[in-house]
C-alpha atoms as a PDB file:
ATOM      1  CA  MET A   1      64.399  20.491 193.942  1.00  0.00           C
ATOM      2  CA  LEU A   2      63.574  23.262 196.271  1.00  0.00           C
ATOM      3  CA  SER A   3      63.798  22.590 199.928  1.00  0.00           C
ATOM      4  CA  GLU A   4      60.928  25.644 200.606  1.00  0.00           C
ATOM      5  CA  VAL A   5      57.241  25.668 200.129  1.00  0.00           C
ATOM      6  CA  GLY A   6      55.900  27.666 197.069  1.00  0.00           C
ATOM      7  CA  VAL A   7      52.250  28.043 196.190  1.00  0.00           C
ATOM      8  CA  ALA A   8      50.320  28.609 192.523  1.00  0.00           C
ATOM      9  CA  MET A   9      49.862  32.285 194.125  1.00  0.00           C
ATOM     10  CA  ASP A  10      53.577  32.707 193.847  1.00  0.00           C
ATOM     11  CA  ILE A  11      54.157  31.774 190.192  1.00  0.00           C
ATOM     12  CA  PHE A  12      52.726  34.893 188.553  1.00  0.00           C
ATOM     13  CA  PRO A  13      54.731  37.595 190.426  1.00  0.00           C
ATOM     14  CA  THR A  14      58.110  35.214 189.969  1.00  0.00           C
ATOM     15  CA  PHE A  15      57.308  35.286 186.061  1.00  0.00           C
ATOM     16  CA  LEU A  16      55.837  39.188 186.159  1.00  0.00           C
ATOM     17  CA  LYS A  17      59.306  40.224 188.024  1.00  0.00           C
ATOM     18  CA  ALA A  18      61.251  37.663 185.446  1.00  0.00           C
ATOM     19  CA  ALA A  19      59.712  39.415 182.639  1.00  0.00           C
ATOM     20  CA  GLY A  20      60.598  42.830 183.776  1.00  0.00           C
ATOM     21  CA  GLY A  21      57.385  43.704 185.201  1.00  0.00           C
ATOM     22  CA  ASP A  22      56.858  45.737 188.450  1.00  0.00           C
ATOM     23  CA  ILE A  23      54.713  43.361 190.714  1.00  0.00           C
ATOM     24  CA  THR A  24      54.277  46.537 193.089  1.00  0.00           C
ATOM     25  CA  GLU A  25      52.031  47.589 190.589  1.00  0.00           C
ATOM     26  CA  TYR A  26      49.068  44.814 191.482  1.00  0.00           C
ATOM     27  CA  GLU A  27      47.949  43.845 194.528  1.00  0.00           C
ATOM     28  CA  LEU A  28      49.105  40.310 195.059  1.00  0.00           C
ATOM     29  CA  ASP A  29      48.931  37.464 197.621  1.00  0.00           C
ATOM     30  CA  GLY A  30      52.000  35.641 196.297  1.00  0.00           C
ATOM     31  CA  LEU A  31      55.651  36.620 196.713  1.00  0.00           C
ATOM     32  CA  ASP A  32      58.717  36.485 193.754  1.00  0.00           C
ATOM     33  CA  ILE A  33      60.379  33.106 194.523  1.00  0.00           C
ATOM     34  CA  MET A  34      63.161  33.897 191.623  1.00  0.00           C
ATOM     35  CA  PRO A  35      65.808  34.821 194.566  1.00  0.00           C
ATOM     36  CA  GLU A  36      65.171  31.693 196.618  1.00  0.00           C
ATOM     37  CA  ILE A  37      65.470  29.565 193.020  1.00  0.00           C
ATOM     38  CA  THR A  38      68.127  31.207 192.073  1.00  0.00           C
ATOM     39  CA  ALA A  39      70.105  30.624 195.253  1.00  0.00           C
ATOM     40  CA  GLN A  40      69.394  27.177 195.552  1.00  0.00           C
ATOM     41  CA  LEU A  41      70.138  26.536 191.845  1.00  0.00           C
ATOM     42  CA  THR A  42      73.414  28.174 191.933  1.00  0.00           C
ATOM     43  CA  ALA A  43      74.573  26.256 195.120  1.00  0.00           C
ATOM     44  CA  ALA A  44      73.572  23.036 193.641  1.00  0.00           C
ATOM     45  CA  ALA A  45      75.619  23.987 190.180  1.00  0.00           C
ATOM     46  CA  GLN A  46      78.465  25.240 192.560  1.00  0.00           C
ATOM     47  CA  SER A  47      78.610  21.538 194.468  1.00  0.00           C
ATOM     48  CA  TRP A  48      78.184  19.578 191.294  1.00  0.00           C
ATOM     49  CA  ARG A  49      81.585  21.760 190.009  1.00  0.00           C
ATOM     50  CA  ASN A  50      83.263  21.327 192.708  1.00  0.00           C
ATOM     51  CA  LYS A  51      82.372  17.403 192.564  1.00  0.00           C
ATOM     52  CA  ILE A  52      83.927  17.705 188.964  1.00  0.00           C
ATOM     53  CA  GLU A  53      86.870  19.465 189.732  1.00  0.00           C
ATOM     54  CA  GLU A  54      87.850  16.629 192.579  1.00  0.00           C
ATOM     55  CA  ARG A  55      87.086  14.136 190.317  1.00  0.00           C
ATOM     56  CA  TRP A  56      89.581  15.332 187.506  1.00  0.00           C
ATOM     57  CA  LYS A  57      92.267  16.374 190.276  1.00  0.00           C
ATOM     58  CA  ASN A  58      91.820  12.867 191.600  1.00  0.00           C
ATOM     59  CA  TYR A  59      91.195  10.710 188.711  1.00  0.00           C
ATOM     60  CA  TRP A  60      91.489  12.135 185.263  1.00  0.00           C
ATOM     61  CA  LEU A  61      94.447  14.811 185.663  1.00  0.00           C
ATOM     62  CA  PRO A  62      97.552  13.481 183.864  1.00  0.00           C
ATOM     63  CA  ARG A  63     100.749  13.254 185.943  1.00  0.00           C
ATOM     64  CA  HIS A  64     104.334  13.048 185.487  1.00  0.00           C
ATOM     65  CA  GLY A  65     105.220   9.656 186.155  1.00  0.00           C
ATOM     66  CA  ARG A  66     101.874   7.818 185.829  1.00  0.00           C
ATOM     67  CA  SER A  67     101.727   4.567 183.189  1.00  0.00           C
ATOM     68  CA  THR A  68     100.540   5.725 180.126  1.00  0.00           C
ATOM     69  CA  ASP A  69      99.887   2.141 178.545  1.00  0.00           C
ATOM     70  CA  TRP A  70      96.682   3.116 178.255  1.00  0.00           C
ATOM     71  CA  TRP A  71      97.535   5.276 175.384  1.00  0.00           C
END
């Protein structure tokens, strides 16, 4: 979920730029919001990855001397 407000007029410039178009060729009121979207999604993915790595380290990682009765 994005924390910034976006409006319908931002969709066209965002898709145009994502498709490789040049938004300066048009007189647009909207903005390319792709940098904001990718920044927030990257942060969310990194947070998820850190939580998984922590869980692996604390719970799932086999350790020497740990009971292996569950094998």
